Protein backbone atom coordinates (compact mmCIF):
# COMPACT_ATOMS: atom_id res chain seq x y z
CA UNK A 1 -143.60 103.27 -161.79
CA UNK A 2 -146.36 100.68 -161.98
CA UNK A 3 -149.85 101.98 -161.27
CA UNK A 4 -150.12 99.43 -158.45
CA UNK A 5 -147.34 101.25 -156.60
CA UNK A 6 -148.14 104.91 -157.30
CA UNK A 7 -148.61 105.56 -153.58
CA UNK A 8 -146.00 103.26 -152.09
CA UNK A 9 -144.48 104.86 -148.97
CA UNK A 10 -147.17 107.55 -149.02
CA UNK A 11 -149.48 108.45 -146.14
CA UNK A 12 -153.06 109.13 -147.21
CA UNK A 13 -155.83 110.58 -145.04
CA UNK A 14 -159.46 109.93 -146.07
CA UNK A 15 -162.28 111.63 -144.21
CA UNK A 16 -165.70 110.03 -144.53
CA UNK A 17 -163.85 106.81 -145.24
CA UNK A 18 -166.19 104.33 -143.61
CA UNK A 19 -168.72 104.07 -146.45
CA UNK A 20 -169.53 104.94 -150.04
CA UNK A 21 -167.02 106.85 -152.13
CA UNK A 22 -164.70 107.37 -149.15
CA UNK A 23 -164.49 103.67 -148.35
CA UNK A 24 -163.91 102.67 -151.97
CA UNK A 25 -161.23 105.34 -152.37
CA UNK A 26 -159.47 104.32 -149.16
CA UNK A 27 -159.31 100.75 -150.46
CA UNK A 28 -157.99 101.94 -153.81
CA UNK A 29 -155.19 103.95 -152.21
CA UNK A 30 -154.23 100.96 -150.05
CA UNK A 31 -154.11 98.65 -153.08
CA UNK A 32 -151.59 101.02 -154.61
CA UNK A 33 -149.27 100.91 -151.62
CA UNK A 34 -150.41 103.75 -149.36
CA UNK A 35 -150.70 103.68 -145.60
CA UNK A 36 -154.28 104.88 -145.25
CA UNK A 37 -155.72 106.71 -142.25
CA UNK A 38 -159.53 106.66 -142.30
CA UNK A 39 -161.53 109.29 -140.43
CA UNK A 40 -165.17 109.35 -139.35
CA UNK A 41 -167.46 109.56 -136.35
CA UNK A 42 -168.54 105.91 -136.04
CA UNK A 43 -165.80 103.67 -134.68
CA UNK A 44 -167.51 100.40 -135.64
CA UNK A 45 -167.86 101.44 -139.28
CA UNK A 46 -164.26 102.66 -139.38
CA UNK A 47 -163.04 99.35 -137.97
CA UNK A 48 -164.91 97.48 -140.71
CA UNK A 49 -163.19 99.51 -143.43
CA UNK A 50 -159.79 99.01 -141.81
CA UNK A 51 -160.44 95.27 -141.72
CA UNK A 52 -161.42 95.21 -145.41
CA UNK A 53 -158.06 96.76 -146.24
CA UNK A 54 -155.98 94.70 -143.85
CA UNK A 55 -157.59 91.42 -144.96
CA UNK A 56 -156.07 91.86 -148.42
CA UNK A 57 -152.66 92.89 -147.12
CA UNK A 58 -153.11 96.66 -147.04
CA UNK A 59 -152.02 99.11 -144.35
CA UNK A 60 -154.78 101.05 -142.62
CA UNK A 61 -155.75 102.62 -139.32
CA UNK A 62 -158.52 104.92 -138.17
CA UNK A 63 -159.16 108.09 -136.19
CA UNK A 64 -162.56 109.10 -134.84
CA UNK A 65 -163.19 112.80 -135.33
CA UNK A 66 -165.88 115.35 -136.09
CA UNK A 67 -164.42 117.40 -138.93
CA UNK A 68 -166.56 120.43 -138.08
CA UNK A 69 -164.77 120.74 -134.71
CA UNK A 70 -161.42 122.56 -134.86
CA UNK A 71 -159.98 120.83 -131.79
CA UNK A 72 -160.77 117.40 -133.19
CA UNK A 73 -159.39 118.23 -136.63
CA UNK A 74 -156.14 119.50 -135.14
CA UNK A 75 -155.91 116.28 -133.08
CA UNK A 76 -156.64 114.23 -136.21
CA UNK A 77 -153.70 115.72 -138.10
CA UNK A 78 -151.34 115.51 -135.11
CA UNK A 79 -152.26 111.85 -134.61
CA UNK A 80 -151.63 111.09 -138.27
CA UNK A 81 -148.26 112.84 -138.10
CA UNK A 82 -147.28 111.00 -134.91
CA UNK A 83 -148.17 107.62 -136.42
CA UNK A 84 -146.56 108.06 -139.80
CA UNK A 85 -144.21 111.04 -139.64
CA UNK A 86 -146.16 113.19 -142.05
CA UNK A 87 -148.99 113.39 -144.56
CA UNK A 88 -148.71 113.17 -148.35
CA UNK A 89 -152.32 113.06 -149.58
CA UNK A 90 -155.63 114.15 -148.05
CA UNK A 91 -159.05 113.31 -149.48
CA UNK A 92 -161.61 115.50 -147.74
CA UNK A 93 -164.83 113.65 -148.45
CA UNK A 94 -167.31 114.26 -145.63
CA UNK A 95 -170.62 115.78 -146.71
CA UNK A 96 -174.35 115.73 -145.99
CA UNK A 97 -177.31 116.41 -148.26
CA UNK A 98 -179.75 117.88 -145.77
CA UNK A 99 -183.52 117.40 -145.80
CA UNK A 100 -184.96 118.49 -149.17
CA UNK A 101 -187.10 121.61 -148.76
CA UNK A 102 -187.48 125.06 -150.38
CA UNK A 103 -185.00 127.75 -149.38
CA UNK A 104 -187.36 129.76 -147.17
CA UNK A 105 -188.43 126.63 -145.30
CA UNK A 106 -184.96 125.53 -144.19
CA UNK A 107 -184.63 125.69 -140.42
CA UNK A 108 -181.73 127.72 -139.05
CA UNK A 109 -180.30 124.69 -137.27
CA UNK A 110 -180.42 122.64 -140.47
CA UNK A 111 -178.64 125.37 -142.39
CA UNK A 112 -175.95 125.62 -139.71
CA UNK A 113 -175.36 121.86 -139.76
CA UNK A 114 -174.97 121.72 -143.55
CA UNK A 115 -172.62 124.71 -143.51
CA UNK A 116 -170.54 123.29 -140.66
CA UNK A 117 -170.16 119.87 -142.28
CA UNK A 118 -169.88 120.63 -145.98
CA UNK A 119 -167.91 123.87 -145.95
CA UNK A 120 -166.42 124.70 -142.56
CA UNK A 121 -165.33 121.08 -142.20
CA UNK A 122 -163.48 121.16 -145.52
CA UNK A 123 -161.83 124.46 -144.58
CA UNK A 124 -160.75 123.15 -141.17
CA UNK A 125 -159.29 120.00 -142.69
CA UNK A 126 -157.33 122.02 -145.23
CA UNK A 127 -156.15 124.45 -142.55
CA UNK A 128 -154.37 121.73 -140.60
CA UNK A 129 -153.45 119.53 -143.57
CA UNK A 130 -151.71 122.43 -145.27
CA UNK A 131 -149.72 123.21 -142.13
CA UNK A 132 -148.56 119.61 -141.89
CA UNK A 133 -147.74 119.33 -145.59
CA UNK A 134 -145.79 122.60 -145.62
CA UNK A 135 -143.64 121.26 -142.80
CA UNK A 136 -142.87 118.09 -144.74
CA UNK A 137 -142.25 119.34 -148.26
CA UNK A 138 -145.68 119.40 -149.89
CA UNK A 139 -148.50 117.09 -150.83
CA UNK A 140 -151.84 116.81 -152.57
CA UNK A 141 -155.34 117.65 -151.33
CA UNK A 142 -158.56 116.62 -153.03
CA UNK A 143 -161.89 117.99 -151.80
CA UNK A 144 -165.26 116.47 -152.63
CA UNK A 145 -167.55 119.07 -154.16
CA UNK A 146 -170.49 117.95 -156.34
CA UNK A 147 -171.92 118.31 -159.80
CA UNK A 148 -174.77 120.05 -157.93
CA UNK A 149 -173.52 123.48 -156.90
CA UNK A 150 -171.03 125.19 -159.18
CA UNK A 151 -172.10 123.08 -162.17
CA UNK A 152 -175.88 122.87 -161.82
CA UNK A 153 -178.60 123.73 -159.35
CA UNK A 154 -181.30 121.57 -157.77
CA UNK A 155 -184.59 122.84 -156.30
CA UNK A 156 -185.06 121.92 -152.66
CA UNK A 157 -181.33 121.56 -151.94
CA UNK A 158 -180.20 125.16 -151.45
CA UNK A 159 -177.96 124.36 -148.48
CA UNK A 160 -176.19 121.58 -150.34
CA UNK A 161 -175.97 123.63 -153.55
CA UNK A 162 -174.51 126.67 -151.76
CA UNK A 163 -171.94 124.76 -149.73
CA UNK A 164 -170.76 122.54 -152.57
CA UNK A 165 -170.38 125.54 -154.89
CA UNK A 166 -168.37 127.18 -152.11
CA UNK A 167 -166.14 124.10 -151.80
CA UNK A 168 -165.34 124.37 -155.50
CA UNK A 169 -164.44 128.06 -155.17
CA UNK A 170 -162.50 127.54 -151.93
CA UNK A 171 -160.51 124.73 -153.55
CA UNK A 172 -159.48 126.84 -156.52
CA UNK A 173 -158.55 129.85 -154.40
CA UNK A 174 -156.48 127.79 -151.95
CA UNK A 175 -154.80 126.04 -154.88
CA UNK A 176 -153.40 129.36 -156.10
CA UNK A 177 -152.20 130.25 -152.61
CA UNK A 178 -150.27 127.06 -151.82
CA UNK A 179 -148.93 125.63 -155.06
CA UNK A 180 -145.66 127.52 -154.48
CA UNK A 181 -145.31 125.44 -151.29
CA UNK A 182 -145.57 122.23 -153.29
CA UNK A 183 -149.19 121.57 -152.27
CA UNK A 184 -151.54 120.77 -155.14
CA UNK A 185 -155.20 121.28 -154.31
CA UNK A 186 -158.03 120.09 -156.54
CA UNK A 187 -161.67 119.01 -156.24
CA UNK A 188 -163.73 116.14 -157.55
CA UNK A 189 -167.42 116.66 -158.31
CA UNK A 190 -169.32 113.38 -158.51
CA UNK A 191 -172.77 113.09 -159.95
CA UNK A 192 -175.31 110.52 -158.80
CA UNK A 193 -173.26 107.56 -157.56
CA UNK A 194 -174.17 104.16 -156.19
CA UNK A 195 -174.48 105.31 -152.59
CA UNK A 196 -177.36 105.93 -150.20
CA UNK A 197 -177.22 109.67 -150.95
CA UNK A 198 -178.35 109.05 -154.54
CA UNK A 199 -181.69 107.59 -153.41
CA UNK A 200 -184.66 109.78 -152.60
CA UNK A 201 -186.61 109.01 -149.39
CA UNK A 202 -188.36 105.65 -149.79
CA UNK A 203 -186.80 105.02 -153.19
CA UNK A 204 -185.40 101.58 -154.07
CA UNK A 205 -182.24 101.07 -156.11
CA UNK A 206 -184.39 99.98 -159.05
CA UNK A 207 -186.55 103.12 -158.80
CA UNK A 208 -183.45 105.30 -158.59
CA UNK A 209 -181.86 103.59 -161.58
CA UNK A 210 -184.99 104.13 -163.67
CA UNK A 211 -185.07 107.82 -162.73
CA UNK A 212 -181.36 108.35 -163.36
CA UNK A 213 -181.61 106.70 -166.76
CA UNK A 214 -183.81 109.57 -167.94
CA UNK A 215 -181.56 112.41 -166.73
CA UNK A 216 -177.97 111.19 -167.12
CA UNK A 217 -176.76 110.90 -170.73
CA UNK A 218 -174.71 107.80 -169.89
CA UNK A 219 -177.93 106.22 -168.61
CA UNK A 220 -176.84 105.02 -165.17
CA UNK A 221 -175.48 106.01 -161.77
CA UNK A 222 -171.75 106.20 -161.33
CA UNK A 223 -169.78 103.46 -159.62
CA UNK A 224 -167.84 104.49 -156.55
CA UNK A 225 -164.78 102.94 -158.20
CA UNK A 226 -165.08 105.48 -161.01
CA UNK A 227 -164.95 108.41 -158.60
CA UNK A 228 -162.08 106.77 -156.71
CA UNK A 229 -160.10 106.49 -159.95
CA UNK A 230 -160.49 110.23 -160.50
CA UNK A 231 -159.36 110.99 -156.95
CA UNK A 232 -156.29 108.79 -157.26
CA UNK A 233 -155.36 110.47 -160.54
CA UNK A 234 -155.64 113.92 -158.94
CA UNK A 235 -153.47 112.71 -156.05
CA UNK A 236 -150.81 111.13 -158.25
CA UNK A 237 -147.78 112.47 -160.10
CA UNK A 238 -149.69 111.80 -163.32
CA UNK A 239 -151.67 115.01 -162.68
CA UNK A 240 -148.66 117.09 -161.63
CA UNK A 241 -149.66 120.03 -163.86
CA UNK A 242 -153.28 120.02 -162.64
CA UNK A 243 -153.83 122.76 -160.07
CA UNK A 244 -157.12 124.22 -158.85
CA UNK A 245 -159.25 122.00 -161.06
CA UNK A 246 -162.76 120.78 -160.28
CA UNK A 247 -163.06 117.41 -162.02
CA UNK A 248 -166.68 116.52 -162.79
CA UNK A 249 -167.49 112.78 -162.83
CA UNK A 250 -171.19 112.59 -163.63
CA UNK A 251 -171.86 110.62 -166.82
CA UNK A 252 -172.51 113.78 -168.81
CA UNK A 253 -175.28 115.19 -166.58
CA UNK A 254 -173.75 118.68 -166.65
CA UNK A 255 -172.15 118.49 -170.09
């Protein structure tokens, strides 16, 4: 099979698909033949991503949903199933950094929001994706963790560190539970990538690039296309023996 058609006749769900890594990955899946369903909170941004895909002949639609709300996640999966008859691949990519501050200074509401988005949201998505995939013969799930968390720590980001480390552990545990059902679950852990999340408050792209050059062995931020390539590999038959893996894509920062 040609790489351009690895996902022909496949239905792919991408949460957080209206910008950054999610948007780039949604476009990449569409280029390789998938019908892509993009999920997020902001309808206007989702429509823009759908248009980017459709303008080059791809198949895409969107669903507005808050992935930390069980009712909305269940509706999201049911809508996807009603539109396309099933679900083959899910890329669970929603995440927030939180306001940088020491552990003891994090407000309870801030902590709850990070936990709900970064961890509970991933769990809820998997809960309903797994049910759908089991009913239709299997599939592949890729969760976005981070190179900050299980792989390294970062002062001032305890909420992010804790939840992303938990996503890595949750991914590996669920992978063992559901591989017998034909559902392969893996994670991708990007390092600093060319998105707004990689910039510190008030930092320009040039300032960020100069800072990253001193801490990443490769000497630059990652391109969103590079993370997308890793996600597509984990979703494809090319990685059929890869189960419960956390693939770090960070230019050597945690090597």
